[in-house]
Amino acid sequence: MGATILVADDDRAIRMVLNQALGRLGHDVRMTGNAATLWRWVEEGEGDLVITDVIMPDENGLDLIPRIKRARPDLRIIVMSAQSTLLTAIKATERGAFEYLPKPFDLRELVSVVERALSAPVAAPPAPADEIEEQLPLIGRSPAMQDIYRAIARLMGTDLTVMITGESGTGKELVARALHDFGKRRNRPFVAINMAAIPRELIESELFGHEKGAFTGATARGVGRFEQAKGGTLFLDEIGDMPPEAQTRLLRVLQEGEYMAVGGRAPVRVDVRIIAATHRDLPQLIRQGLFREDLFYRLNVAPIRLPPLRERAADIPALVRHFASLAAREGLPLKTIDAAAMERLCRYRWPGNVRELENLVRRLAALYSQETIGLDVVEAELAEVAPTAPAAVPGAAGEGLAAAVERHITGYFAAHRGTLPAAGLYDRVLREIERPLIVATLGATRGNQIRAAHLLGLNRNTLRKKIRELDIPVVRGLK
């Protein structure tokens, strides 16, 4: 038998669409354009499911949710809103909504949510939460960001381990902080550690702490990040750069719920939520033997992928206004971007993602006197920061990798006709390609090793080591 579904939305067209779609599934749909009628139906005990808008003429739909849940705790509520921000998703979830859908919504997705809501077991009412201010770390209303907001709203009240992936500059730490700041551990510490910034020999001590005398120079007991984050959240940034031996110890912590300080004798119980992040391709690292597969599955319980800025260009105007306001609050002049300049920003590829956009907005505020920034200024700035085209790569890589490898193999077998060639072809080809690749990348970045390491996907220390080993000349004055 069909269910009775109560729909409250002041948009008549949306009411009719929902009536037709849900009616075809055999449900009885009752429709209203105001919150008062919806509340009367709920008080009278009608309805098996509520679908409500947020902004209605007589009351905010979010404010109505707690009253509905007090009167009928088992009545599931689906919230729809054109005010599609992280705050809306969080408030809807905290106040007891079964699901939140941004407008415009996909009708098939809404039907799927309705079916889940009608068949799901009754959940315990959520714990009351403090009112959240409108100062949010994430900006944007694109479909890609709506997925992120909904993921945060679903995960913030749990202790599930989260893996955040995305290119550098997409805001992975902001998502981690949002999960902590709006979660049940919000009153406990948020501790972050960047695996790429810690020397390999110090990572275990940084994570787990050490006892006095555990190693040379350990003149006092050291507190590790796990202990610092007790009761809160530990954010493991750039987890893909974690050395294998530290991966093994972290896996043991996740499996057993305890760790041992370096030089320690007694295990310490763990009470932290783990959030990890990386810009690297972990499945590829697993295939290369550089990352433990079992650790990956322990960390990848709840994955969140952050889209690069080029995939959500519709958010760029809102981000520009946000960063301009931040710069003005810090004492820089408030700037506006004219339409042509904004359109150019939306077409740019943004290899540095949101971080690159923020730096550009601050630079425009600091360096230019005009209140309105035009297309000529933006074009000049983008041309200045864009890398020059790479120089032709000499040797095997410059002639086409596939063709060069094929010639190398053919020639090698021809030279050893009648005998089995010695092993080691992989290393020989890699040596021929690696040096010209690094030389070309350094040329494209004008000798900037930080940018070159980013483009190559290497740790900066790894790149410096290879420069020394391969005897690559560097431009002095750049790092």
Protein backbone atom coordinates (compact mmCIF):
# COMPACT_ATOMS: atom_id res chain seq x y z
CA MET A 1 0.00 0.00 0.00
CA GLY A 2 1.08 3.55 -0.70
CA ALA A 3 2.02 6.03 1.99
CA THR A 4 0.53 9.43 2.80
CA ILE A 5 3.12 12.09 2.02
CA LEU A 6 2.72 15.69 3.24
CA VAL A 7 4.32 18.24 0.91
CA ALA A 8 4.82 21.88 1.99
CA ASP A 9 6.30 24.26 -0.60
CA ASP A 10 5.20 27.74 -1.65
CA ASP A 11 6.15 26.99 -5.27
CA ARG A 12 3.03 25.59 -6.97
CA ALA A 13 5.04 24.08 -9.84
CA ILE A 14 7.17 22.03 -7.43
CA ARG A 15 4.05 20.82 -5.61
CA MET A 16 2.54 19.63 -8.88
CA VAL A 17 5.74 17.85 -9.98
CA LEU A 18 5.97 16.01 -6.66
CA ASN A 19 2.27 15.16 -6.73
CA GLN A 20 2.58 13.57 -10.18
CA ALA A 21 5.84 11.72 -9.50
CA LEU A 22 4.84 10.33 -6.10
CA GLY A 23 1.26 9.70 -7.15
CA ARG A 24 2.45 7.45 -9.98
CA LEU A 25 4.17 5.33 -7.32
CA GLY A 26 0.83 4.79 -5.56
CA HIS A 27 1.32 7.32 -2.74
CA ASP A 28 -1.37 9.71 -1.47
CA VAL A 29 0.13 13.21 -1.71
CA ARG A 30 -1.31 16.10 0.31
CA MET A 31 -0.01 19.52 -0.69
CA THR A 32 0.14 22.95 0.94
CA GLY A 33 1.97 26.21 0.38
CA ASN A 34 2.44 27.16 4.03
CA ALA A 35 3.85 25.81 7.30
CA ALA A 36 0.66 26.34 9.33
CA THR A 37 -1.33 23.80 7.33
CA LEU A 38 1.54 21.32 7.46
CA TRP A 39 1.72 21.67 11.24
CA ARG A 40 -2.06 21.14 11.56
CA TRP A 41 -1.84 17.92 9.56
CA VAL A 42 1.04 16.70 11.73
CA GLU A 43 -0.84 17.51 14.97
CA GLU A 44 -3.87 15.60 13.67
CA GLY A 45 -1.68 12.52 13.16
CA GLU A 46 -1.80 12.53 9.37
CA GLY A 47 1.04 11.56 7.05
CA ASP A 48 3.78 8.95 6.95
CA LEU A 49 6.42 11.31 5.55
CA VAL A 50 6.97 15.07 5.31
CA ILE A 51 8.66 16.90 2.43
CA THR A 52 9.12 20.57 3.28
CA ASP A 53 10.74 23.65 1.83
CA VAL A 54 12.80 25.93 4.10
CA ILE A 55 11.53 29.39 3.11
CA MET A 56 7.74 29.62 3.31
CA PRO A 57 5.51 32.66 3.74
CA ASP A 58 4.59 32.06 7.39
CA GLU A 59 7.51 30.12 8.93
CA ASN A 60 10.97 28.77 8.24
CA GLY A 61 10.77 25.05 7.58
CA LEU A 62 13.92 24.39 9.61
CA ASP A 63 12.29 25.98 12.68
CA LEU A 64 9.29 23.69 12.26
CA ILE A 65 11.34 20.47 12.32
CA PRO A 66 12.01 20.36 16.12
CA ARG A 67 8.28 20.81 16.84
CA ILE A 68 7.39 18.00 14.44
CA LYS A 69 10.01 15.69 15.99
CA ARG A 70 8.74 16.43 19.52
CA ALA A 71 5.13 15.75 18.50
CA ARG A 72 5.86 12.74 16.25
CA PRO A 73 9.42 11.42 16.73
CA ASP A 74 8.90 8.62 14.19
CA LEU A 75 7.75 10.94 11.37
CA ARG A 76 10.55 11.29 8.83
CA ILE A 77 11.23 14.68 7.25
CA ILE A 78 12.92 15.50 3.95
CA VAL A 79 14.08 19.11 3.61
CA MET A 80 14.46 20.92 0.29
CA SER A 81 16.01 24.36 -0.10
CA ALA A 82 17.32 26.79 -2.67
CA GLN A 83 19.46 28.25 0.15
CA SER A 84 21.92 25.47 -0.53
CA THR A 85 24.79 26.16 1.86
CA LEU A 86 26.69 24.00 4.30
CA LEU A 87 24.78 25.70 7.12
CA THR A 88 21.42 24.57 5.69
CA ALA A 89 22.59 20.97 5.40
CA ILE A 90 24.00 20.97 8.93
CA LYS A 91 20.92 22.59 10.51
CA ALA A 92 18.56 20.21 8.72
CA THR A 93 20.55 17.20 9.91
CA GLU A 94 21.01 18.42 13.49
CA ARG A 95 17.32 19.21 13.88
CA GLY A 96 16.31 15.74 12.86
CA ALA A 97 15.69 15.73 9.11
CA PHE A 98 16.06 12.35 7.42
CA GLU A 99 17.67 13.93 4.34
CA TYR A 100 18.46 17.32 2.83
CA LEU A 101 18.17 18.01 -0.91
CA PRO A 102 19.29 21.24 -2.59
CA LYS A 103 17.12 22.90 -5.22
CA PRO A 104 16.93 22.36 -8.11
CA PHE A 105 16.72 18.67 -7.24
CA ASP A 106 16.94 15.58 -9.39
CA LEU A 107 13.50 13.97 -9.39
CA ARG A 108 14.91 10.42 -9.53
CA GLU A 109 17.11 11.15 -6.52
CA LEU A 110 14.17 12.56 -4.58
CA VAL A 111 12.07 9.46 -5.35
CA SER A 112 14.96 7.28 -4.17
CA VAL A 113 15.22 9.29 -0.92
CA VAL A 114 11.46 8.98 -0.38
CA GLU A 115 11.67 5.19 -0.75
CA ARG A 116 14.58 5.00 1.71
CA ALA A 117 12.77 7.23 4.21
CA LEU A 118 9.62 5.12 4.11
CA SER A 119 11.51 1.84 4.59
CA ALA A 120 14.21 2.95 7.06
CA PRO A 121 13.95 1.92 10.73
CA VAL A 122 13.12 4.63 13.25
CA ALA A 123 16.29 6.31 14.49
CA ALA A 124 16.90 7.78 17.90
CA PRO A 125 16.36 11.55 18.06
CA PRO A 126 19.59 13.56 17.61
CA ALA A 127 21.25 15.22 20.55
CA PRO A 128 20.61 18.97 20.82
CA ALA A 129 23.30 21.12 19.22
CA ASP A 130 24.42 24.66 19.71
CA GLU A 131 23.30 27.23 17.17
CA ILE A 132 25.87 27.54 14.38
CA GLU A 133 26.85 30.96 13.16
CA GLU A 134 26.89 31.85 9.46
CA GLN A 135 30.72 32.06 9.47
CA LEU A 136 31.46 28.90 7.51
CA PRO A 137 34.74 27.62 6.12
CA LEU A 138 33.33 26.38 2.80
CA ILE A 139 31.90 28.59 0.07
CA GLY A 140 29.87 27.63 -3.00
CA ARG A 141 26.50 26.34 -4.15
CA SER A 142 27.54 24.25 -7.15
CA PRO A 143 26.27 20.65 -7.37
CA ALA A 144 29.77 19.41 -6.53
CA MET A 145 29.79 21.40 -3.29
CA GLN A 146 26.27 20.24 -2.41
CA ASP A 147 27.61 16.68 -2.33
CA ILE A 148 30.35 17.81 0.06
CA TYR A 149 27.88 19.62 2.35
CA ARG A 150 25.64 16.59 2.54
CA ALA A 151 28.58 14.29 3.29
CA ILE A 152 29.73 16.57 6.11
CA ALA A 153 26.20 16.75 7.53
CA ARG A 154 25.94 12.94 7.54
CA LEU A 155 29.39 12.31 9.02
CA MET A 156 29.74 15.11 11.57
CA GLY A 157 27.85 13.23 14.29
CA THR A 158 29.84 10.02 13.85
CA ASP A 159 33.33 8.83 14.75
CA LEU A 160 33.90 7.19 11.36
CA THR A 161 37.38 7.53 9.91
CA VAL A 162 37.28 9.85 6.90
CA MET A 163 39.62 9.96 3.88
CA ILE A 164 39.62 13.30 2.04
CA THR A 165 41.16 13.30 -1.43
CA GLY A 166 41.70 16.14 -3.87
CA GLU A 167 44.30 18.25 -5.57
CA SER A 168 46.48 20.64 -3.58
CA GLY A 169 44.65 23.84 -2.72
CA THR A 170 41.11 22.42 -2.81
CA GLY A 171 40.49 22.89 0.93
CA LYS A 172 41.01 19.45 2.45
CA GLU A 173 41.89 20.83 5.89
CA LEU A 174 38.81 23.09 5.82
CA VAL A 175 36.62 20.01 5.36
CA ALA A 176 38.44 18.23 8.17
CA ARG A 177 37.92 21.23 10.46
CA ALA A 178 34.23 21.43 9.51
CA LEU A 179 33.78 17.75 10.42
CA HIS A 180 35.38 18.47 13.80
CA ASP A 181 33.86 21.90 14.54
CA PHE A 182 30.31 20.75 13.84
CA GLY A 183 30.72 17.25 15.30
CA LYS A 184 30.32 15.79 18.76
CA ARG A 185 34.04 16.26 19.51
CA ARG A 186 33.87 20.02 18.85
CA ASN A 187 34.85 20.90 22.43
CA ARG A 188 38.02 18.79 22.29
CA PRO A 189 41.29 19.48 20.42
CA PHE A 190 41.73 19.47 16.65
CA VAL A 191 45.36 18.52 15.93
CA ALA A 192 46.85 18.49 12.43
CA ILE A 193 50.12 16.99 11.24
CA ASN A 194 51.51 17.15 7.70
CA MET A 195 53.33 13.94 6.86
CA ALA A 196 55.24 15.56 3.99
CA ALA A 197 56.74 18.18 6.32
CA ILE A 198 58.16 15.79 8.97
CA PRO A 199 61.54 14.06 8.48
CA ARG A 200 61.10 10.31 8.17
CA GLU A 201 63.12 9.57 11.27
CA LEU A 202 60.92 11.84 13.42
CA ILE A 203 57.42 10.84 12.28
CA GLU A 204 56.89 8.10 14.86
CA SER A 205 58.02 10.37 17.68
CA GLU A 206 55.78 13.18 16.37
CA LEU A 207 52.77 10.86 16.23
CA PHE A 208 53.20 8.72 19.32
CA GLY A 209 55.57 10.74 21.51
CA HIS A 210 58.74 9.45 23.16
CA GLU A 211 60.14 8.74 26.58
CA LYS A 212 63.17 10.46 28.03
CA GLY A 213 66.34 8.80 26.74
CA ALA A 214 64.51 6.93 23.96
CA PHE A 215 67.06 8.23 21.44
CA THR A 216 69.97 10.64 21.24
CA GLY A 217 68.75 14.12 22.08
CA ALA A 218 65.60 12.95 23.90
CA THR A 219 66.40 14.80 27.10
CA ALA A 220 62.77 14.95 28.22
CA ARG A 221 59.50 13.14 27.56
CA GLY A 222 57.88 14.23 24.28
CA VAL A 223 54.11 14.43 23.83
CA GLY A 224 52.90 13.03 20.51
CA ARG A 225 50.01 14.22 18.36
CA PHE A 226 47.80 11.30 19.41
CA GLU A 227 48.11 12.40 23.03
CA GLN A 228 47.60 16.08 22.12
CA ALA A 229 44.36 15.20 20.29
CA LYS A 230 42.95 13.05 23.11
CA GLY A 231 39.17 13.10 22.94
CA GLY A 232 39.24 15.18 19.75
CA THR A 233 40.28 14.83 16.12
CA LEU A 234 43.67 13.99 14.62
CA PHE A 235 44.06 15.19 11.03
CA LEU A 236 46.76 13.28 9.12
CA ASP A 237 47.46 15.49 6.10
CA GLU A 238 49.38 14.16 3.08
CA ILE A 239 49.03 10.60 4.35
CA GLY A 240 50.43 9.36 1.02
CA ASP A 241 53.87 10.64 2.08
CA MET A 242 53.97 8.56 5.26
CA PRO A 243 57.00 6.23 5.31
CA PRO A 244 56.32 2.46 5.36
CA GLU A 245 57.51 1.85 8.91
CA ALA A 246 55.19 4.55 10.27
CA GLN A 247 52.34 3.11 8.18
CA THR A 248 52.80 -0.20 9.98
CA ARG A 249 52.56 1.44 13.40
CA LEU A 250 49.53 3.51 12.42
CA LEU A 251 47.78 0.38 11.15
CA ARG A 252 48.38 -1.30 14.49
CA VAL A 253 46.87 1.69 16.29
CA LEU A 254 43.75 1.59 14.11
CA GLN A 255 43.39 -2.18 14.59
CA GLU A 256 44.08 -2.42 18.32
CA GLY A 257 43.00 1.02 19.57
CA GLU A 258 46.27 1.64 21.38
CA TYR A 259 49.85 2.71 20.71
CA MET A 260 53.26 2.65 22.34
CA ALA A 261 55.40 5.78 22.68
CA VAL A 262 58.93 5.53 21.28
CA GLY A 263 60.94 3.99 24.10
CA GLY A 264 57.77 3.33 26.10
CA ARG A 265 56.84 0.11 27.85
CA ALA A 266 53.12 0.47 28.53
CA PRO A 267 50.46 0.79 25.80
CA VAL A 268 48.30 3.91 25.70
CA ARG A 269 44.61 3.68 24.75
CA VAL A 270 43.47 5.81 21.81
CA ASP A 271 40.46 8.13 21.99
CA VAL A 272 40.64 10.21 18.83
CA ARG A 273 38.79 10.49 15.56
CA ILE A 274 41.09 10.04 12.55
CA ILE A 275 40.68 12.15 9.41
CA ALA A 276 43.27 11.62 6.68
CA ALA A 277 43.88 13.55 3.48
CA THR A 278 46.07 13.32 0.40
CA HIS A 279 46.47 14.78 -3.08
CA ARG A 280 48.16 11.59 -4.26
CA ASP A 281 46.68 8.54 -6.00
CA LEU A 282 46.77 6.00 -3.16
CA PRO A 283 45.66 3.01 -5.28
CA GLN A 284 48.58 3.76 -7.59
CA LEU A 285 50.95 3.97 -4.60
CA ILE A 286 49.60 0.61 -3.43
CA ARG A 287 50.40 -0.94 -6.83
CA GLN A 288 53.91 0.50 -6.58
CA GLY A 289 54.39 -0.98 -3.13
CA LEU A 290 54.65 2.47 -1.49
CA PHE A 291 51.44 2.38 0.56
CA ARG A 292 49.91 -0.45 2.57
CA GLU A 293 46.66 -1.74 1.11
CA ASP A 294 45.33 -2.79 4.53
CA LEU A 295 46.02 0.70 5.92
CA PHE A 296 44.21 2.26 2.95
CA TYR A 297 41.05 0.29 3.72
CA ARG A 298 41.28 1.20 7.40
CA LEU A 299 41.46 4.90 6.51
CA ASN A 300 39.06 4.92 3.58
CA VAL A 301 35.96 4.12 5.64
CA ALA A 302 34.11 7.29 4.58
CA PRO A 303 35.71 8.83 1.48
CA ILE A 304 35.17 12.47 0.48
CA ARG A 305 36.55 13.71 -2.85
CA LEU A 306 37.04 17.46 -3.15
CA PRO A 307 36.57 18.69 -6.73
CA PRO A 308 39.22 20.96 -8.28
CA LEU A 309 38.10 24.55 -8.78
CA ARG A 310 37.84 24.06 -12.55
CA GLU A 311 35.03 21.56 -11.91
CA ARG A 312 32.99 24.12 -9.96
CA ALA A 313 33.65 27.34 -11.82
CA ALA A 314 30.14 28.56 -10.93
CA ASP A 315 31.40 29.09 -7.37
CA ILE A 316 34.20 31.47 -8.40
CA PRO A 317 32.19 34.75 -8.12
CA ALA A 318 31.08 33.84 -4.57
CA LEU A 319 34.63 32.85 -3.64
CA VAL A 320 36.03 36.11 -5.04
CA ARG A 321 33.56 38.16 -2.99
CA HIS A 322 34.36 36.12 0.10
CA PHE A 323 38.13 36.53 -0.24
CA ALA A 324 37.77 40.24 -1.04
CA SER A 325 35.77 40.71 2.17
CA LEU A 326 38.38 38.81 4.17
CA ALA A 327 41.14 40.99 2.72
CA ALA A 328 39.16 44.13 3.57
CA ARG A 329 38.71 42.99 7.18
CA GLU A 330 42.48 42.58 7.36
CA GLY A 331 43.00 46.21 6.32
CA LEU A 332 43.37 45.92 2.53
CA PRO A 333 41.16 48.03 0.23
CA LEU A 334 37.85 46.43 -0.77
CA LYS A 335 37.89 45.62 -4.49
CA THR A 336 35.22 44.55 -6.94
CA ILE A 337 35.75 42.61 -10.16
CA ASP A 338 33.93 43.78 -13.31
CA ALA A 339 31.88 41.35 -15.41
CA ALA A 340 34.49 40.75 -18.13
CA ALA A 341 37.24 40.12 -15.59
CA MET A 342 35.02 37.76 -13.61
CA GLU A 343 34.17 35.83 -16.76
CA ARG A 344 37.90 35.44 -17.45
CA LEU A 345 38.46 34.14 -13.93
CA CYS A 346 35.71 31.56 -14.49
CA ARG A 347 37.43 30.33 -17.67
CA TYR A 348 40.90 30.01 -16.11
CA ARG A 349 42.05 26.46 -15.25
CA TRP A 350 43.28 27.25 -11.69
CA PRO A 351 46.06 24.67 -11.28
CA GLY A 352 46.50 25.92 -7.70
CA ASN A 353 42.74 25.67 -7.06
CA VAL A 354 41.03 27.74 -4.34
CA ARG A 355 44.33 28.64 -2.69
CA GLU A 356 45.56 30.18 -5.94
CA LEU A 357 42.32 32.17 -6.31
CA GLU A 358 42.58 33.48 -2.75
CA ASN A 359 46.18 34.61 -3.32
CA LEU A 360 45.18 36.37 -6.53
CA VAL A 361 42.33 38.27 -4.84
CA ARG A 362 44.65 39.40 -2.04
CA ARG A 363 47.24 40.49 -4.60
CA LEU A 364 44.67 42.50 -6.54
CA ALA A 365 43.58 44.22 -3.32
CA ALA A 366 47.14 45.05 -2.29
CA LEU A 367 48.80 46.10 -5.54
CA TYR A 368 46.17 48.01 -7.54
CA SER A 369 44.71 51.43 -6.75
CA GLN A 370 41.47 51.20 -8.74
CA GLU A 371 38.35 50.13 -6.84
CA THR A 372 37.06 48.04 -9.74
CA ILE A 373 39.44 45.51 -11.29
CA GLY A 374 39.08 45.15 -15.05
CA LEU A 375 39.91 42.50 -17.61
CA ASP A 376 43.33 43.99 -18.50
CA VAL A 377 44.58 43.65 -14.92
CA VAL A 378 43.29 40.10 -14.55
CA GLU A 379 44.80 39.05 -17.90
CA ALA A 380 48.16 40.47 -16.85
CA GLU A 381 48.06 38.69 -13.49
CA LEU A 382 47.08 35.35 -14.97
CA ALA A 383 49.78 35.64 -17.63
CA GLU A 384 52.34 36.40 -14.90
CA VAL A 385 51.52 33.35 -12.77
CA ALA A 386 51.01 30.86 -15.61
CA PRO A 387 54.05 28.62 -16.15
CA THR A 388 55.89 28.96 -19.42
CA ALA A 389 55.60 26.11 -21.89
CA PRO A 390 58.11 23.38 -21.12
CA ALA A 391 61.20 23.28 -23.23
CA ALA A 392 61.59 20.32 -25.55
CA VAL A 393 62.77 17.36 -23.56
CA PRO A 394 65.98 15.97 -24.97
CA GLY A 395 66.66 12.29 -25.41
CA ALA A 396 64.17 9.47 -25.11
CA ALA A 397 61.31 11.39 -23.45
CA GLY A 398 61.40 14.23 -25.99
CA GLU A 399 61.10 11.85 -28.94
CA GLY A 400 57.96 10.15 -27.61
CA LEU A 401 58.08 7.79 -24.69
CA ALA A 402 56.42 4.78 -26.29
CA ALA A 403 58.56 4.94 -29.44
CA ALA A 404 61.75 5.43 -27.43
CA VAL A 405 61.04 2.45 -25.17
CA GLU A 406 60.23 0.25 -28.17
CA ARG A 407 63.50 1.21 -29.89
CA HIS A 408 65.39 0.60 -26.66
CA ILE A 409 63.96 -2.93 -26.26
CA THR A 410 64.39 -3.82 -29.94
CA GLY A 411 67.99 -2.65 -29.96
CA TYR A 412 68.76 -4.40 -26.71
CA PHE A 413 67.51 -7.76 -27.98
CA ALA A 414 69.32 -7.26 -31.29
CA ALA A 415 72.58 -6.66 -29.43
CA HIS A 416 72.10 -9.86 -27.41
CA ARG A 417 70.93 -12.12 -30.23
CA GLY A 418 70.91 -15.73 -29.19
CA THR A 419 71.27 -14.98 -25.46
CA LEU A 420 68.89 -13.89 -22.75
CA PRO A 421 69.47 -10.18 -21.91
CA ALA A 422 70.35 -9.28 -18.36
CA ALA A 423 67.55 -8.07 -16.09
CA GLY A 424 67.13 -4.42 -15.18
CA LEU A 425 65.42 -2.92 -18.23
CA TYR A 426 63.00 -0.94 -16.06
CA ASP A 427 65.80 0.87 -14.21
CA ARG A 428 67.74 1.61 -17.41
CA VAL A 429 64.75 3.14 -19.21
CA LEU A 430 63.76 5.06 -16.07
CA ARG A 431 67.24 6.59 -15.81
CA GLU A 432 67.05 7.79 -19.42
CA ILE A 433 63.67 9.43 -18.86
CA GLU A 434 63.96 10.76 -15.30
CA ARG A 435 66.72 13.31 -15.82
CA PRO A 436 65.24 15.09 -18.88
CA LEU A 437 61.81 15.07 -17.21
CA ILE A 438 63.13 16.85 -14.12
CA VAL A 439 65.22 19.24 -16.24
CA ALA A 440 62.16 20.15 -18.34
CA THR A 441 59.96 20.65 -15.27
CA LEU A 442 62.55 22.89 -13.60
CA GLY A 443 62.76 24.85 -16.83
CA ALA A 444 58.99 25.28 -16.95
CA THR A 445 58.93 26.54 -13.35
CA ARG A 446 62.00 28.78 -13.87
CA GLY A 447 63.98 26.76 -11.36
CA ASN A 448 61.36 26.89 -8.60
CA GLN A 449 61.81 23.53 -6.89
CA ILE A 450 58.66 23.85 -4.77
CA ARG A 451 56.46 24.25 -7.86
CA ALA A 452 58.44 21.61 -9.75
CA ALA A 453 57.95 19.09 -6.93
CA HIS A 454 54.21 19.84 -6.95
CA LEU A 455 53.95 19.31 -10.72
CA LEU A 456 55.93 16.07 -10.55
CA GLY A 457 53.99 14.79 -7.55
CA LEU A 458 57.18 14.40 -5.54
CA ASN A 459 58.10 15.38 -2.01
CA ARG A 460 60.37 18.45 -2.10
CA ASN A 461 63.16 16.59 -0.29
CA THR A 462 62.87 13.72 -2.80
CA LEU A 463 63.24 16.16 -5.69
CA ARG A 464 66.32 17.77 -4.13
CA LYS A 465 67.87 14.32 -3.63
CA LYS A 466 67.28 13.42 -7.29
CA ILE A 467 68.76 16.76 -8.43
CA ARG A 468 71.94 15.89 -6.55
CA GLU A 469 72.04 12.27 -7.70
CA LEU A 470 71.43 13.13 -11.36
CA ASP A 471 73.80 16.14 -11.28
CA ILE A 472 71.14 18.54 -12.53
CA PRO A 473 72.19 22.22 -12.59
CA VAL A 474 69.84 24.51 -10.63
CA VAL A 475 69.15 28.23 -10.80
CA ARG A 476 70.58 29.81 -7.66
CA GLY A 477 68.26 31.95 -5.56
CA LEU A 478 65.18 29.76 -6.10
CA LYS A 479 64.14 26.90 -3.83
